[in-house]
Amino acid sequence: MHCRRCIRAAQCLPGVLSKSEIKKLERLVTSGPLLDRGDELFRAGQPAEALYVIRSGAVQSSTANEHGSQQIVGFMLAGDFLGVSALYDGSYTTTATAMQSTSACRISFDVLEQFSGNSALNRFVMRRLGHELQHCRLARLRMAAPRSKTRVARFILHHMTMVASRGLSATRFRLPMARWQIANHLGLAIESLSRELASFRAHGILEVRNREVVVRDVARLQRLADGLPHEGGAPIVKMTGGRRPNKLQAV
């Protein structure tokens, strides 16, 4: 592996290691399997031997709910760590499934132990654990919102934060997940999700075409995420040549 050349180096282990330690790390870190959409990196309950860092692509994290159905608990993008919670009891707590062609680095627990004397690395791992806890907390907040429009607004704002942290536009981006995956994550029917997105578009808050999102009004989106009514009065309806506006296309 060439950790020093990786565009994610500053946000990954090389960011807290010395040059000599990075050279050692490069001899120990390996490439995980190349995943196609639908391939699993690991399954919930499987004994864990390594952490993974997404180099490219996107992954959904899911677990079985009380009815035995899969509940999507989060979405991870390039630069995110997978399997951190396995440090607790040695087994993966969720199933990681690629949403598109995905590559990842594999960092075995044995490798981490070889650097256990590095206080900066220990703090880094603790931050990653904290990040995962925060991710779970935000997911619970999205699910706890009683109104579907609040859940959808919180999801969009969270994704905006994720893409912005990677140096990408927070107001124009492509969703890596399909509409059914978003609905599953938010505990909504697909029809409810589509209805809310159509309402957001009609009020000039955002537009979704296929998976391309353009956020037009961040302030009103934030109001909806806070559980407040958006401002702006009646819906914006554009009529062209007497025809009805185009329906929102499926994500």
Protein backbone atom coordinates (compact mmCIF):
# COMPACT_ATOMS: atom_id res chain seq x y z
CA MET A 1 0.00 0.00 0.00
CA HIS A 2 1.10 3.59 -0.64
CA CYS A 3 -0.48 5.35 2.32
CA ARG A 4 1.54 8.53 1.83
CA ARG A 5 0.11 9.04 -1.66
CA CYS A 6 -3.49 8.46 -0.61
CA ILE A 7 -5.72 11.54 -0.77
CA ARG A 8 -7.25 10.40 2.54
CA ALA A 9 -3.87 10.21 4.33
CA ALA A 10 -4.38 13.28 6.51
CA GLN A 11 -7.70 11.92 7.83
CA CYS A 12 -6.39 8.38 8.30
CA LEU A 13 -3.64 6.69 10.33
CA PRO A 14 -0.74 8.37 8.43
CA GLY A 15 -2.00 11.68 9.79
CA VAL A 16 -0.85 10.73 13.31
CA LEU A 17 2.26 8.65 12.53
CA SER A 18 5.90 9.57 11.92
CA LYS A 19 7.55 8.96 8.53
CA SER A 20 9.23 5.79 9.77
CA GLU A 21 5.96 4.53 11.24
CA ILE A 22 4.13 5.24 7.98
CA LYS A 23 6.70 3.15 6.10
CA LYS A 24 6.08 0.33 8.56
CA LEU A 25 2.32 0.78 8.19
CA GLU A 26 2.55 0.52 4.40
CA ARG A 27 4.13 -2.92 4.76
CA LEU A 28 1.31 -4.10 7.02
CA VAL A 29 -1.89 -2.57 5.63
CA THR A 30 -3.49 -4.54 2.80
CA SER A 31 -6.18 -3.90 0.22
CA GLY A 32 -9.60 -5.25 1.04
CA PRO A 33 -11.65 -6.98 -1.65
CA LEU A 34 -12.95 -4.91 -4.55
CA LEU A 35 -16.71 -4.81 -4.09
CA ASP A 36 -19.48 -4.50 -6.63
CA ARG A 37 -22.89 -3.12 -5.71
CA GLY A 38 -24.60 -5.52 -3.32
CA ASP A 39 -21.39 -7.26 -2.20
CA GLU A 40 -20.88 -7.58 1.56
CA LEU A 41 -17.63 -6.59 3.22
CA PHE A 42 -18.64 -8.26 6.48
CA ARG A 43 -21.79 -9.43 8.25
CA ALA A 44 -23.23 -8.66 11.67
CA GLY A 45 -22.11 -11.24 14.23
CA GLN A 46 -19.09 -12.30 12.19
CA PRO A 47 -15.83 -12.53 14.20
CA ALA A 48 -13.81 -9.40 13.48
CA GLU A 49 -10.12 -9.35 12.68
CA ALA A 50 -9.76 -5.95 11.05
CA LEU A 51 -11.01 -2.42 10.50
CA TYR A 52 -11.64 -1.10 7.00
CA VAL A 53 -11.25 2.37 5.53
CA ILE A 54 -13.24 3.17 2.40
CA ARG A 55 -10.89 4.40 -0.35
CA SER A 56 -13.58 4.88 -2.97
CA GLY A 57 -17.27 4.17 -3.31
CA ALA A 58 -19.99 4.04 -0.66
CA VAL A 59 -21.29 1.48 1.85
CA GLN A 60 -24.54 0.99 3.74
CA SER A 61 -24.51 -0.33 7.30
CA SER A 62 -27.48 -2.43 8.37
CA THR A 63 -28.71 -4.66 11.16
CA ALA A 64 -31.69 -6.94 11.71
CA ASN A 65 -34.64 -5.31 13.49
CA GLU A 66 -36.98 -7.02 15.95
CA HIS A 67 -38.98 -8.48 13.04
CA GLY A 68 -35.91 -9.98 11.38
CA SER A 69 -35.91 -7.47 8.51
CA GLN A 70 -32.83 -5.49 7.59
CA GLN A 71 -32.77 -1.93 8.96
CA ILE A 72 -30.25 0.44 7.37
CA VAL A 73 -28.59 2.35 10.20
CA GLY A 74 -26.15 4.47 8.21
CA PHE A 75 -24.33 5.30 5.00
CA MET A 76 -20.54 5.62 4.74
CA LEU A 77 -18.48 7.42 2.11
CA ALA A 78 -14.82 7.46 1.08
CA GLY A 79 -12.62 8.14 4.10
CA ASP A 80 -15.00 6.57 6.62
CA PHE A 81 -13.94 3.71 8.89
CA LEU A 82 -15.93 0.48 9.08
CA GLY A 83 -15.98 -2.03 11.91
CA VAL A 84 -14.71 0.26 14.66
CA SER A 85 -17.33 -0.99 17.13
CA ALA A 86 -15.85 -4.50 16.77
CA LEU A 87 -12.98 -3.30 18.97
CA TYR A 88 -15.42 -3.68 21.86
CA ASP A 89 -16.29 -7.39 21.73
CA GLY A 90 -14.46 -8.77 18.70
CA SER A 91 -17.43 -9.15 16.36
CA TYR A 92 -19.05 -6.89 13.79
CA THR A 93 -22.29 -5.31 14.99
CA THR A 94 -23.63 -4.44 11.53
CA THR A 95 -23.53 -5.75 7.97
CA ALA A 96 -21.55 -3.58 5.53
CA THR A 97 -22.83 -3.72 1.94
CA ALA A 98 -21.43 -1.82 -1.04
CA MET A 99 -23.89 0.58 -2.71
CA GLN A 100 -21.62 0.96 -5.75
CA SER A 101 -18.16 -0.19 -6.86
CA THR A 102 -16.12 0.18 -3.68
CA SER A 103 -12.53 -0.34 -2.57
CA ALA A 104 -11.21 -0.33 0.98
CA CYS A 105 -8.00 -0.69 2.98
CA ARG A 106 -7.83 -3.48 5.54
CA ILE A 107 -6.15 -2.71 8.88
CA SER A 108 -5.93 -5.81 11.04
CA PHE A 109 -6.21 -5.56 14.81
CA ASP A 110 -2.73 -7.10 14.98
CA VAL A 111 -1.40 -4.09 13.07
CA LEU A 112 -3.06 -1.70 15.51
CA GLU A 113 -1.46 -3.55 18.41
CA GLN A 114 1.97 -3.01 16.89
CA PHE A 115 1.37 0.74 17.19
CA SER A 116 -0.36 0.58 20.57
CA GLY A 117 2.47 2.54 22.22
CA ASN A 118 1.72 5.55 20.00
CA SER A 119 -0.43 7.90 22.09
CA ALA A 120 -1.45 9.92 19.01
CA LEU A 121 -2.77 6.78 17.32
CA ASN A 122 -4.63 5.78 20.48
CA ARG A 123 -6.31 9.19 20.53
CA PHE A 124 -7.12 8.80 16.83
CA VAL A 125 -8.85 5.45 17.45
CA MET A 126 -10.79 6.99 20.34
CA ARG A 127 -11.93 9.81 18.05
CA ARG A 128 -13.13 7.26 15.51
CA LEU A 129 -15.08 5.48 18.24
CA GLY A 130 -16.58 8.81 19.25
CA HIS A 131 -17.42 9.56 15.62
CA GLU A 132 -19.29 6.26 15.34
CA LEU A 133 -21.22 6.97 18.54
CA GLN A 134 -22.14 10.42 17.20
CA HIS A 135 -23.21 8.86 13.90
CA CYS A 136 -25.53 6.47 15.77
CA ARG A 137 -26.93 9.31 17.90
CA LEU A 138 -27.77 11.41 14.84
CA ALA A 139 -29.40 8.41 13.16
CA ARG A 140 -31.62 7.91 16.23
CA LEU A 141 -32.55 11.60 16.16
CA ARG A 142 -33.61 11.31 12.53
CA MET A 143 -35.75 8.28 13.32
CA ALA A 144 -37.24 9.90 16.43
CA ALA A 145 -38.72 12.85 14.54
CA PRO A 146 -42.52 12.42 14.48
CA ARG A 147 -42.98 14.14 11.11
CA SER A 148 -41.69 12.60 7.91
CA LYS A 149 -40.62 15.97 6.47
CA THR A 150 -38.39 16.53 9.52
CA ARG A 151 -36.72 13.14 9.03
CA VAL A 152 -36.09 13.83 5.35
CA ALA A 153 -34.73 17.33 6.02
CA ARG A 154 -32.37 16.01 8.71
CA PHE A 155 -31.14 13.30 6.36
CA ILE A 156 -30.39 15.79 3.57
CA LEU A 157 -28.59 18.16 5.95
CA HIS A 158 -26.52 15.29 7.36
CA HIS A 159 -25.49 14.22 3.86
CA MET A 160 -24.62 17.83 3.03
CA THR A 161 -22.26 17.84 6.01
CA MET A 162 -20.68 14.57 4.89
CA VAL A 163 -19.91 15.76 1.36
CA ALA A 164 -18.76 19.20 2.54
CA SER A 165 -16.23 17.57 4.91
CA ARG A 166 -14.68 15.96 1.82
CA GLY A 167 -14.21 19.28 0.06
CA LEU A 168 -17.22 18.81 -2.22
CA SER A 169 -20.19 21.08 -2.81
CA ALA A 170 -22.76 20.88 -0.02
CA THR A 171 -25.55 22.19 -2.23
CA ARG A 172 -24.97 20.15 -5.40
CA PHE A 173 -24.21 16.46 -5.03
CA ARG A 174 -25.14 12.97 -6.17
CA LEU A 175 -26.69 10.54 -3.71
CA PRO A 176 -24.99 7.12 -3.72
CA MET A 177 -28.06 5.41 -2.28
CA ALA A 178 -31.40 4.57 -3.92
CA ARG A 179 -34.71 5.96 -2.75
CA TRP A 180 -35.78 2.69 -1.11
CA GLN A 181 -32.58 2.73 0.97
CA ILE A 182 -33.26 6.25 2.22
CA ALA A 183 -36.85 5.30 3.05
CA ASN A 184 -35.68 2.20 4.92
CA HIS A 185 -33.14 4.23 6.89
CA LEU A 186 -35.73 6.84 7.86
CA GLY A 187 -38.48 4.35 8.66
CA LEU A 188 -40.75 5.71 5.91
CA ALA A 189 -42.70 4.25 3.04
CA ILE A 190 -41.18 5.08 -0.35
CA GLU A 191 -44.40 6.94 -1.21
CA SER A 192 -44.01 9.15 1.88
CA LEU A 193 -40.41 9.95 1.00
CA SER A 194 -41.37 10.80 -2.59
CA ARG A 195 -44.21 13.01 -1.38
CA GLU A 196 -41.91 14.99 0.93
CA LEU A 197 -39.24 15.44 -1.74
CA ALA A 198 -41.90 16.62 -4.18
CA SER A 199 -43.13 19.12 -1.56
CA PHE A 200 -39.58 20.39 -0.99
CA ARG A 201 -39.23 20.92 -4.71
CA ALA A 202 -42.60 22.65 -5.04
CA HIS A 203 -41.62 25.11 -2.30
CA GLY A 204 -38.25 25.87 -3.89
CA ILE A 205 -36.21 24.23 -1.12
CA LEU A 206 -34.41 21.58 -3.17
CA GLU A 207 -34.63 19.53 -6.34
CA VAL A 208 -33.88 15.85 -6.88
CA ARG A 209 -33.53 14.49 -10.42
CA ASN A 210 -32.58 10.85 -10.53
CA ARG A 211 -29.97 10.98 -7.73
CA GLU A 212 -28.71 14.50 -8.38
CA VAL A 213 -29.61 16.92 -5.57
CA VAL A 214 -29.57 20.72 -5.78
CA VAL A 215 -30.33 22.50 -2.50
CA ARG A 216 -31.93 25.88 -3.20
CA ASP A 217 -32.71 27.15 0.30
CA VAL A 218 -30.54 25.86 3.16
CA ALA A 219 -32.21 28.11 5.75
CA ARG A 220 -35.69 26.73 5.12
CA LEU A 221 -34.33 23.19 4.99
CA GLN A 222 -32.80 23.78 8.42
CA ARG A 223 -36.14 25.04 9.75
CA LEU A 224 -37.80 21.82 8.62
CA ALA A 225 -35.01 19.79 10.23
CA ASP A 226 -35.66 21.68 13.47
CA GLY A 227 -39.33 20.71 13.31
CA LEU A 228 -40.46 24.23 12.39
CA PRO A 229 -42.71 25.18 9.47
CA HIS A 230 -40.77 26.49 6.53
CA GLU A 231 -41.34 30.08 5.51
CA GLY A 232 -42.20 31.23 2.05
CA GLY A 233 -45.95 30.90 1.68
CA ALA A 234 -47.61 28.98 -1.12
CA PRO A 235 -45.82 26.32 -3.15
CA ILE A 236 -43.86 27.40 -6.19
CA VAL A 237 -45.46 25.82 -9.26
CA LYS A 238 -43.88 26.48 -12.63
CA MET A 239 -46.20 26.03 -15.60
CA THR A 240 -44.83 25.72 -19.11
CA GLY A 241 -47.12 25.95 -22.09
CA GLY A 242 -50.17 25.05 -20.02
CA ARG A 243 -48.67 21.70 -19.06
CA ARG A 244 -48.37 20.35 -15.55
CA PRO A 245 -44.90 20.40 -14.00
CA ASN A 246 -42.84 17.26 -14.45
CA LYS A 247 -43.15 14.72 -11.68
CA LEU A 248 -40.14 14.17 -9.47
CA GLN A 249 -38.09 11.33 -10.81
CA ALA A 250 -37.25 8.38 -8.59
CA VAL A 251 -33.95 8.45 -6.75
